[in-house]
């Protein structure tokens, strides 16, 4: 009996020490996981330590009638009645040409927010990710259900990479390390993200909203200089403008909003390209800010990962298809490609809900479907030249959009 008491006492003491250690870890560890990625002057979107959206905060509310703790528990246990996704999606990878034709523009959807845009001798990648998991701890975390639409070894030489923010599904370090080792592309991002990249030996140019950089700088020329290309076969002549959107950033949770998020307007000889990155609607003023640089030939606009409970049509940090159409209109873009859907399961909508909603939303606004049509992963689009757009007749029932799961 005495020996049993000693064993029980030992177990209780061990448990007590474990509880104390856990409490200390909760208190002590988070500050060590925090990082200072950027130091600079205070602005309307930077308080000296953290960035923010000047048009409103990002909130993560629980579904109606469910506590935040209960929502998280159901998410982790998989008991939240989310619609099933397919285990795998068949993909026929593309083999793109080395360059687009003079004045031509071709876009290939690689998956998620990754698009190869080839414009008049310039090859651009947006938020490139070739990894199987969008996670700091694979194989935990969101898993790719569709292979990349271009095999990495089939990529043409990349001149320019833009990175919208530091979430793992948008800043994939293994992919960026491979790109840098192979092609030495110019990498442009927003403030603070360059610190993360440089820690992995990847140089990058980080700019605030409103900042810009030109491809001519690669040749040591003045920012206003123009690269002279004899035959356009390879003509890395561009200007990247870092523009506002509405999102947030973090790699570890405790480093929340230490680095800035952004969209991009890229001027090329073939026309302007807008990449929205990952974004909520915010005040919906930022599309107008991108539009002031001139007509947009191609816009890359997210439509997925917007639903965290049944019936939700958008979230603070992710627009849904209805808002994507509004942003398309405000940009005044000639053509758009819907992105950020069908690759990594990040939310509650079915795999193909975003494109179905998008088609109905375009019909509601009288917009020709061909101007904002979903691509298959691996599908390429020869982007039409900018042309005046005449709105069509509006034909829809918005209740049908809301009824989609």
Protein backbone atom coordinates (compact mmCIF):
# COMPACT_ATOMS: atom_id res chain seq x y z
CA UNK A 1 0.00 0.00 0.00
CA UNK A 2 2.81 2.37 0.92
CA UNK A 3 4.54 1.65 -2.42
CA UNK A 4 1.31 2.44 -4.30
CA UNK A 5 1.03 5.76 -2.47
CA UNK A 6 4.62 6.61 -3.46
CA UNK A 7 3.90 5.76 -7.13
CA UNK A 8 0.69 7.82 -7.16
CA UNK A 9 2.48 10.72 -5.49
CA UNK A 10 5.25 10.50 -8.11
CA UNK A 11 2.71 10.56 -10.92
CA UNK A 12 0.91 13.56 -9.41
CA UNK A 13 4.19 15.43 -8.96
CA UNK A 14 5.15 14.67 -12.56
CA UNK A 15 1.77 15.90 -13.80
CA UNK A 16 2.12 19.03 -11.69
CA UNK A 17 5.52 19.76 -13.23
CA UNK A 18 4.11 19.15 -16.71
CA UNK A 19 1.26 21.60 -16.06
CA UNK A 20 3.71 24.20 -14.73
CA UNK A 21 6.00 23.65 -17.73
CA UNK A 22 3.05 24.04 -20.10
CA UNK A 23 1.95 27.26 -18.39
CA UNK A 24 5.49 28.61 -18.58
CA UNK A 25 5.74 27.62 -22.24
CA UNK A 26 2.50 29.42 -23.04
CA UNK A 27 3.88 32.52 -21.34
CA UNK A 28 7.52 32.38 -22.38
CA UNK A 29 7.64 30.78 -25.85
CA UNK A 30 5.41 33.13 -27.92
CA UNK A 31 7.72 36.15 -27.60
CA UNK A 32 10.57 34.01 -28.92
CA UNK A 33 8.45 33.06 -31.92
CA UNK A 34 7.78 36.73 -32.60
CA UNK A 35 10.05 38.38 -35.15
CA UNK A 36 10.81 41.97 -36.10
CA UNK A 37 10.88 41.96 -39.87
CA UNK A 38 10.82 45.69 -40.46
CA UNK A 39 11.74 48.95 -38.71
CA UNK A 40 10.66 52.26 -40.16
CA UNK A 41 8.66 55.44 -39.83
CA UNK A 42 5.10 55.45 -38.53
CA UNK A 43 2.43 55.79 -41.22
CA UNK A 44 -1.31 55.37 -41.62
CA UNK A 45 -0.73 51.60 -41.93
CA UNK A 46 2.32 51.08 -39.67
CA UNK A 47 2.45 51.94 -35.95
CA UNK A 48 6.20 51.43 -35.58
CA UNK A 49 5.87 47.73 -34.79
CA UNK A 50 2.94 46.25 -36.71
CA UNK A 51 1.17 46.91 -39.99
CA UNK A 52 -2.57 47.35 -40.29
CA UNK A 53 -5.31 47.96 -42.84
CA UNK A 54 -6.23 51.66 -42.75
CA UNK A 55 -9.69 50.76 -44.06
CA UNK A 56 -10.63 48.43 -41.17
CA UNK A 57 -9.39 45.49 -39.12
CA UNK A 58 -9.40 41.81 -40.06
CA UNK A 59 -11.67 39.83 -37.76
CA UNK A 60 -12.17 36.07 -37.54
CA UNK A 61 -15.66 35.67 -36.10
CA UNK A 62 -17.11 32.28 -35.24
CA UNK A 63 -20.27 31.09 -37.03
CA UNK A 64 -23.57 32.37 -35.57
CA UNK A 65 -24.46 30.48 -32.40
CA UNK A 66 -21.00 28.90 -31.98
CA UNK A 67 -18.25 30.08 -29.62
CA UNK A 68 -14.80 30.78 -31.03
CA UNK A 69 -13.35 27.93 -28.91
CA UNK A 70 -16.04 25.54 -30.14
CA UNK A 71 -15.44 26.61 -33.74
CA UNK A 72 -11.69 25.92 -33.44
CA UNK A 73 -12.28 22.56 -31.74
CA UNK A 74 -14.71 21.44 -34.45
CA UNK A 75 -12.25 22.57 -37.14
CA UNK A 76 -9.39 20.57 -35.60
CA UNK A 77 -11.53 17.47 -35.07
CA UNK A 78 -13.04 17.63 -38.54
CA UNK A 79 -16.57 17.58 -37.11
CA UNK A 80 -17.72 20.84 -38.67
CA UNK A 81 -19.79 19.35 -41.51
CA UNK A 82 -17.57 20.89 -44.17
CA UNK A 83 -18.36 19.65 -47.71
CA UNK A 84 -15.97 16.95 -48.94
CA UNK A 85 -13.21 17.68 -51.40
CA UNK A 86 -11.78 15.22 -53.94
CA UNK A 87 -8.58 13.47 -52.93
CA UNK A 88 -6.95 14.43 -56.23
CA UNK A 89 -7.72 16.42 -59.37
CA UNK A 90 -6.40 15.28 -62.74
CA UNK A 91 -4.03 17.84 -64.28
CA UNK A 92 -2.44 17.94 -67.73
CA UNK A 93 0.69 20.06 -67.18
CA UNK A 94 1.49 22.71 -69.77
CA UNK A 95 4.87 23.16 -71.47
CA UNK A 96 5.01 26.91 -72.11
CA UNK A 97 7.10 28.54 -74.82
CA UNK A 98 10.29 30.33 -73.74
CA UNK A 99 8.69 33.77 -74.31
CA UNK A 100 5.48 35.35 -75.52
CA UNK A 101 5.32 36.93 -78.96
CA UNK A 102 6.17 40.63 -79.37
CA UNK A 103 3.32 42.63 -77.79
CA UNK A 104 1.70 39.31 -76.94
CA UNK A 105 0.58 38.14 -73.50
CA UNK A 106 -0.05 34.57 -72.37
CA UNK A 107 -1.06 33.42 -68.89
CA UNK A 108 -0.93 29.85 -67.53
CA UNK A 109 -2.62 28.95 -64.26
CA UNK A 110 -0.19 26.81 -62.24
CA UNK A 111 -2.62 26.51 -59.33
CA UNK A 112 -3.78 28.51 -56.29
CA UNK A 113 -2.34 32.04 -56.64
CA UNK A 114 0.54 30.95 -58.89
CA UNK A 115 0.29 32.17 -62.48
CA UNK A 116 2.96 32.32 -65.17
CA UNK A 117 2.42 35.48 -67.20
CA UNK A 118 4.50 35.87 -70.35
CA UNK A 119 4.37 39.38 -71.78
CA UNK A 120 6.48 40.67 -74.69
CA UNK A 121 9.69 38.88 -73.78
CA UNK A 122 9.17 39.00 -70.01
CA UNK A 123 8.37 35.96 -67.81
CA UNK A 124 6.59 36.65 -64.51
CA UNK A 125 5.52 34.34 -61.65
CA UNK A 126 3.02 35.34 -58.97
CA UNK A 127 3.21 33.83 -55.44
CA UNK A 128 4.95 30.67 -56.67
CA UNK A 129 4.34 27.43 -54.77
CA UNK A 130 5.35 23.98 -56.03
CA UNK A 131 5.35 22.32 -52.59
CA UNK A 132 2.83 19.61 -51.72
CA UNK A 133 1.85 21.27 -48.44
CA UNK A 134 1.19 24.91 -47.56
CA UNK A 135 2.48 24.54 -44.03
CA UNK A 136 5.50 25.10 -41.77
CA UNK A 137 5.25 21.44 -40.67
CA UNK A 138 4.47 19.19 -43.63
CA UNK A 139 2.81 16.74 -43.87
CA UNK A 140 0.59 18.63 -41.43
CA UNK A 141 -1.50 21.42 -42.87
CA UNK A 142 -3.30 22.01 -46.19
CA UNK A 143 -2.33 19.46 -48.82
CA UNK A 144 -2.29 20.07 -52.55
CA UNK A 145 -5.11 18.20 -54.32
CA UNK A 146 -3.92 19.15 -57.82
CA UNK A 147 -0.39 18.89 -59.15
CA UNK A 148 1.18 22.13 -60.43
CA UNK A 149 -0.04 23.07 -63.90
CA UNK A 150 3.58 23.37 -65.08
CA UNK A 151 6.32 21.01 -63.97
CA UNK A 152 9.06 23.03 -62.32
CA UNK A 153 11.68 21.83 -64.79
CA UNK A 154 9.44 22.93 -67.68
CA UNK A 155 9.29 26.52 -66.49
CA UNK A 156 10.90 29.02 -68.83
CA UNK A 157 13.58 31.29 -67.39
CA UNK A 158 11.81 33.53 -64.88
CA UNK A 159 12.68 37.25 -64.90
CA UNK A 160 10.33 38.58 -62.23
CA UNK A 161 8.61 37.12 -59.15
CA UNK A 162 6.08 39.05 -57.07
CA UNK A 163 5.18 37.86 -53.55
CA UNK A 164 2.06 39.34 -52.01
CA UNK A 165 2.60 38.38 -48.34
CA UNK A 166 4.16 35.83 -46.03
CA UNK A 167 1.47 33.15 -45.55
CA UNK A 168 2.74 29.69 -46.44
CA UNK A 169 0.43 29.25 -49.43
CA UNK A 170 1.88 32.44 -50.96
CA UNK A 171 5.50 32.57 -49.75
CA UNK A 172 6.83 29.05 -50.29
CA UNK A 173 10.50 29.07 -49.33
CA UNK A 174 11.47 25.71 -50.97
CA UNK A 175 10.10 26.91 -54.32
CA UNK A 176 11.73 30.32 -54.03
CA UNK A 177 15.08 28.74 -53.16
CA UNK A 178 14.88 26.63 -56.33
CA UNK A 179 13.89 29.61 -58.47
CA UNK A 180 16.69 31.77 -57.10
CA UNK A 181 19.30 29.05 -57.58
CA UNK A 182 18.18 28.40 -61.15
CA UNK A 183 17.24 31.79 -62.62
CA UNK A 184 18.26 34.61 -60.24
CA UNK A 185 14.95 36.44 -60.90
CA UNK A 186 14.10 39.88 -59.59
CA UNK A 187 11.87 39.29 -56.53
CA UNK A 188 9.56 42.11 -55.46
CA UNK A 189 7.46 42.06 -52.31
CA UNK A 190 6.19 44.44 -49.63
CA UNK A 191 7.92 45.69 -46.48
CA UNK A 192 9.36 43.13 -44.07
CA UNK A 193 8.98 40.06 -46.27
CA UNK A 194 12.50 40.55 -47.62
CA UNK A 195 13.84 39.82 -44.12
CA UNK A 196 12.27 36.36 -44.19
CA UNK A 197 13.61 35.67 -47.68
CA UNK A 198 17.12 36.90 -46.98
CA UNK A 199 17.32 34.54 -43.99
CA UNK A 200 17.14 31.76 -46.60
CA UNK A 201 19.70 33.33 -48.93
CA UNK A 202 17.09 34.82 -51.28
CA UNK A 203 17.59 38.54 -52.09
CA UNK A 204 14.43 40.57 -52.60
CA UNK A 205 13.30 44.15 -53.08
CA UNK A 206 10.69 45.17 -50.48
CA UNK A 207 8.59 48.29 -51.00
CA UNK A 208 5.80 50.10 -49.23
CA UNK A 209 2.41 50.71 -50.82
CA UNK A 210 2.97 53.29 -53.51
CA UNK A 211 6.57 52.23 -54.15
CA UNK A 212 7.81 51.05 -57.54
CA UNK A 213 10.83 49.42 -59.13
CA UNK A 214 11.82 49.07 -62.77
CA UNK A 215 13.44 46.23 -64.64
CA UNK A 216 15.94 48.73 -66.02
CA UNK A 217 17.50 48.83 -62.56
CA UNK A 218 18.77 45.30 -63.20
CA UNK A 219 21.19 46.77 -65.74
CA UNK A 220 22.37 49.57 -63.48
CA UNK A 221 20.37 52.16 -65.38
CA UNK A 222 18.45 55.08 -63.95
CA UNK A 223 14.91 54.22 -62.81
CA UNK A 224 13.35 56.15 -65.70
CA UNK A 225 15.53 54.44 -68.31
CA UNK A 226 14.12 51.99 -70.87
CA UNK A 227 15.73 48.68 -71.72
CA UNK A 228 16.51 48.49 -75.43
CA UNK A 229 15.61 45.10 -76.86
CA UNK A 230 16.67 44.26 -80.37
CA UNK A 231 14.09 41.59 -81.16
CA UNK A 232 11.87 41.24 -78.07
CA UNK A 233 12.87 37.58 -77.67
CA UNK A 234 13.98 38.40 -74.16
CA UNK A 235 13.06 41.88 -73.01
CA UNK A 236 12.92 42.30 -69.22
CA UNK A 237 11.48 45.80 -69.45
CA UNK A 238 8.89 46.45 -66.76
CA UNK A 239 7.86 48.60 -63.83
CA UNK A 240 6.31 47.03 -60.72
CA UNK A 241 4.07 49.17 -58.51
CA UNK A 242 3.33 47.82 -55.02
CA UNK A 243 -0.30 48.68 -54.34
CA UNK A 244 -2.73 48.42 -51.44
CA UNK A 245 -5.11 45.56 -50.74
CA UNK A 246 -6.81 44.30 -47.55
CA UNK A 247 -5.24 41.35 -45.74
CA UNK A 248 -2.84 40.37 -42.94
CA UNK A 249 0.43 38.47 -42.51
CA UNK A 250 2.04 35.91 -40.19
CA UNK A 251 4.38 32.91 -40.27
CA UNK A 252 4.02 31.82 -36.61
CA UNK A 253 0.93 33.54 -35.18
CA UNK A 254 2.89 35.66 -32.71
CA UNK A 255 4.59 37.56 -35.56
CA UNK A 256 1.19 38.71 -36.82
CA UNK A 257 1.35 41.77 -39.10
CA UNK A 258 5.10 42.27 -38.65
CA UNK A 259 5.36 42.32 -42.47
CA UNK A 260 3.14 44.06 -45.01
CA UNK A 261 0.76 42.53 -47.59
CA UNK A 262 0.09 44.00 -51.01
CA UNK A 263 -1.20 43.73 -54.55
CA UNK A 264 0.83 44.66 -57.64
CA UNK A 265 0.40 46.58 -60.88
CA UNK A 266 3.02 45.51 -63.42
CA UNK A 267 3.58 47.70 -66.49
CA UNK A 268 4.99 45.85 -69.50
CA UNK A 269 5.41 46.55 -73.21
CA UNK A 270 2.40 44.28 -73.81
CA UNK A 271 0.14 46.11 -71.35
CA UNK A 272 -0.61 46.34 -67.64
CA UNK A 273 -1.07 43.31 -65.38
CA UNK A 274 -2.79 43.48 -61.98
CA UNK A 275 -2.23 40.81 -59.34
CA UNK A 276 -4.56 41.19 -56.36
CA UNK A 277 -2.61 38.79 -54.14
CA UNK A 278 -4.73 37.53 -51.24
CA UNK A 279 -7.33 40.01 -50.11
CA UNK A 280 -10.62 40.90 -48.53
CA UNK A 281 -12.73 43.74 -49.83
CA UNK A 282 -11.91 46.41 -47.26
CA UNK A 283 -13.15 49.77 -48.50
CA UNK A 284 -12.97 48.59 -52.14
CA UNK A 285 -11.03 51.75 -52.95
CA UNK A 286 -7.78 49.98 -53.74
CA UNK A 287 -8.85 48.73 -57.20
CA UNK A 288 -9.25 52.37 -58.25
CA UNK A 289 -5.73 53.08 -56.99
CA UNK A 290 -4.34 50.37 -59.28
CA UNK A 291 -6.47 51.56 -62.21
CA UNK A 292 -4.85 55.01 -62.24
CA UNK A 293 -1.72 53.55 -63.89
CA UNK A 294 -3.68 52.99 -67.10
CA UNK A 295 -5.76 50.31 -68.82
CA UNK A 296 -5.35 46.81 -67.36
CA UNK A 297 -5.02 44.07 -69.94
CA UNK A 298 -5.02 41.20 -67.42
CA UNK A 299 -6.17 41.00 -63.79
CA UNK A 300 -5.55 38.02 -61.49
CA UNK A 301 -8.32 38.05 -58.87
CA UNK A 302 -8.95 35.53 -56.04
CA UNK A 303 -12.37 33.91 -55.72
CA UNK A 304 -11.88 31.09 -53.16
CA UNK A 305 -11.29 30.30 -49.47
CA UNK A 306 -14.04 32.75 -48.49
CA UNK A 307 -16.48 30.52 -46.58
CA UNK A 308 -16.07 29.45 -42.95
CA UNK A 309 -19.69 28.54 -42.30
CA UNK A 310 -22.68 27.67 -44.46
CA UNK A 311 -24.10 30.64 -46.32
CA UNK A 312 -21.11 32.94 -45.84
CA UNK A 313 -20.40 34.91 -49.04
CA UNK A 314 -17.05 36.48 -48.13
CA UNK A 315 -14.79 37.03 -45.13
CA UNK A 316 -12.78 40.01 -43.93
CA UNK A 317 -9.59 38.55 -45.37
CA UNK A 318 -10.89 36.70 -48.48
CA UNK A 319 -13.27 38.03 -51.08
CA UNK A 320 -15.88 35.72 -52.57
CA UNK A 321 -16.98 35.60 -56.22
CA UNK A 322 -19.54 38.40 -55.82
CA UNK A 323 -16.90 40.80 -54.53
CA UNK A 324 -14.41 39.53 -57.11
CA UNK A 325 -16.77 40.66 -59.87
CA UNK A 326 -17.12 44.09 -58.23
CA UNK A 327 -13.33 44.40 -58.05
CA UNK A 328 -13.07 43.37 -61.71
CA UNK A 329 -15.47 46.17 -62.61
CA UNK A 330 -13.64 48.75 -60.50
CA UNK A 331 -10.31 47.81 -62.05
CA UNK A 332 -11.80 48.30 -65.50
CA UNK A 333 -9.79 45.26 -66.62
CA UNK A 334 -10.25 43.89 -70.10
CA UNK A 335 -9.68 40.26 -69.06
CA UNK A 336 -9.33 38.51 -65.69
CA UNK A 337 -8.40 35.03 -64.46
CA UNK A 338 -9.94 33.76 -61.20
CA UNK A 339 -7.29 32.36 -58.84
CA UNK A 340 -6.95 31.11 -55.23
CA UNK A 341 -9.35 28.19 -55.53
CA UNK A 342 -9.30 24.44 -56.24
CA UNK A 343 -5.72 23.68 -55.13
CA UNK A 344 -5.43 23.79 -51.32
CA UNK A 345 -8.46 23.29 -49.10
CA UNK A 346 -8.42 26.32 -46.82
CA UNK A 347 -12.12 26.84 -46.03
CA UNK A 348 -15.60 25.34 -46.15
CA UNK A 349 -16.89 25.74 -49.68
CA UNK A 350 -16.94 22.77 -52.03
CA UNK A 351 -14.06 22.38 -54.45
CA UNK A 352 -15.96 23.83 -57.41
CA UNK A 353 -18.26 26.28 -55.60
CA UNK A 354 -16.16 29.41 -56.38
CA UNK A 355 -16.26 29.07 -60.21
CA UNK A 356 -19.96 28.16 -60.14
CA UNK A 357 -20.70 31.26 -58.08
CA UNK A 358 -18.52 33.37 -60.32
CA UNK A 359 -20.44 32.36 -63.43
CA UNK A 360 -23.76 33.30 -61.82
CA UNK A 361 -22.32 36.59 -60.50
CA UNK A 362 -21.06 37.56 -63.95
CA UNK A 363 -24.49 36.85 -65.39
CA UNK A 364 -26.03 39.06 -62.70
CA UNK A 365 -23.80 41.94 -63.80
CA UNK A 366 -24.25 41.40 -67.54
CA UNK A 367 -20.55 40.63 -68.02
CA UNK A 368 -19.43 38.29 -70.80
CA UNK A 369 -18.23 35.08 -69.12
CA UNK A 370 -15.21 34.90 -71.46
CA UNK A 371 -13.74 38.02 -69.86
CA UNK A 372 -13.44 36.36 -66.41
CA UNK A 373 -13.60 32.64 -67.13
CA UNK A 374 -11.99 30.03 -64.86
CA UNK A 375 -9.06 28.11 -66.32
CA UNK A 376 -8.19 24.50 -65.67
CA UNK A 377 -4.96 24.08 -63.76
CA UNK A 378 -2.33 23.87 -66.49
CA UNK A 379 -4.49 25.72 -69.02
CA UNK A 380 -3.04 28.72 -70.89
CA UNK A 381 -4.87 31.79 -72.10
CA UNK A 382 -3.79 34.04 -74.95
CA UNK A 383 -4.85 37.32 -73.33
CA UNK A 384 -6.74 39.56 -75.78
CA UNK A 385 -5.57 43.11 -76.32
CA UNK A 386 -7.30 45.82 -74.31
CA UNK A 387 -10.59 46.80 -75.94
CA UNK A 388 -13.65 48.86 -74.97
CA UNK A 389 -16.22 46.83 -73.05
CA UNK A 390 -19.97 47.08 -73.56
CA UNK A 391 -22.04 45.71 -70.65
CA UNK A 392 -24.66 43.13 -71.51
CA UNK A 393 -28.08 42.43 -70.08
CA UNK A 394 -28.30 41.41 -66.42
CA UNK A 395 -29.91 37.99 -66.00
CA UNK A 396 -29.76 36.28 -62.62
CA UNK A 397 -31.32 35.35 -59.34
CA UNK A 398 -28.93 36.10 -56.47
CA UNK A 399 -30.69 33.48 -54.35
CA UNK A 400 -29.20 30.83 -56.65
CA UNK A 401 -25.71 32.13 -55.84
CA UNK A 402 -26.32 32.00 -52.10
CA UNK A 403 -27.73 28.47 -52.35
CA UNK A 404 -24.43 27.03 -53.61
CA UNK A 405 -22.41 25.14 -50.98
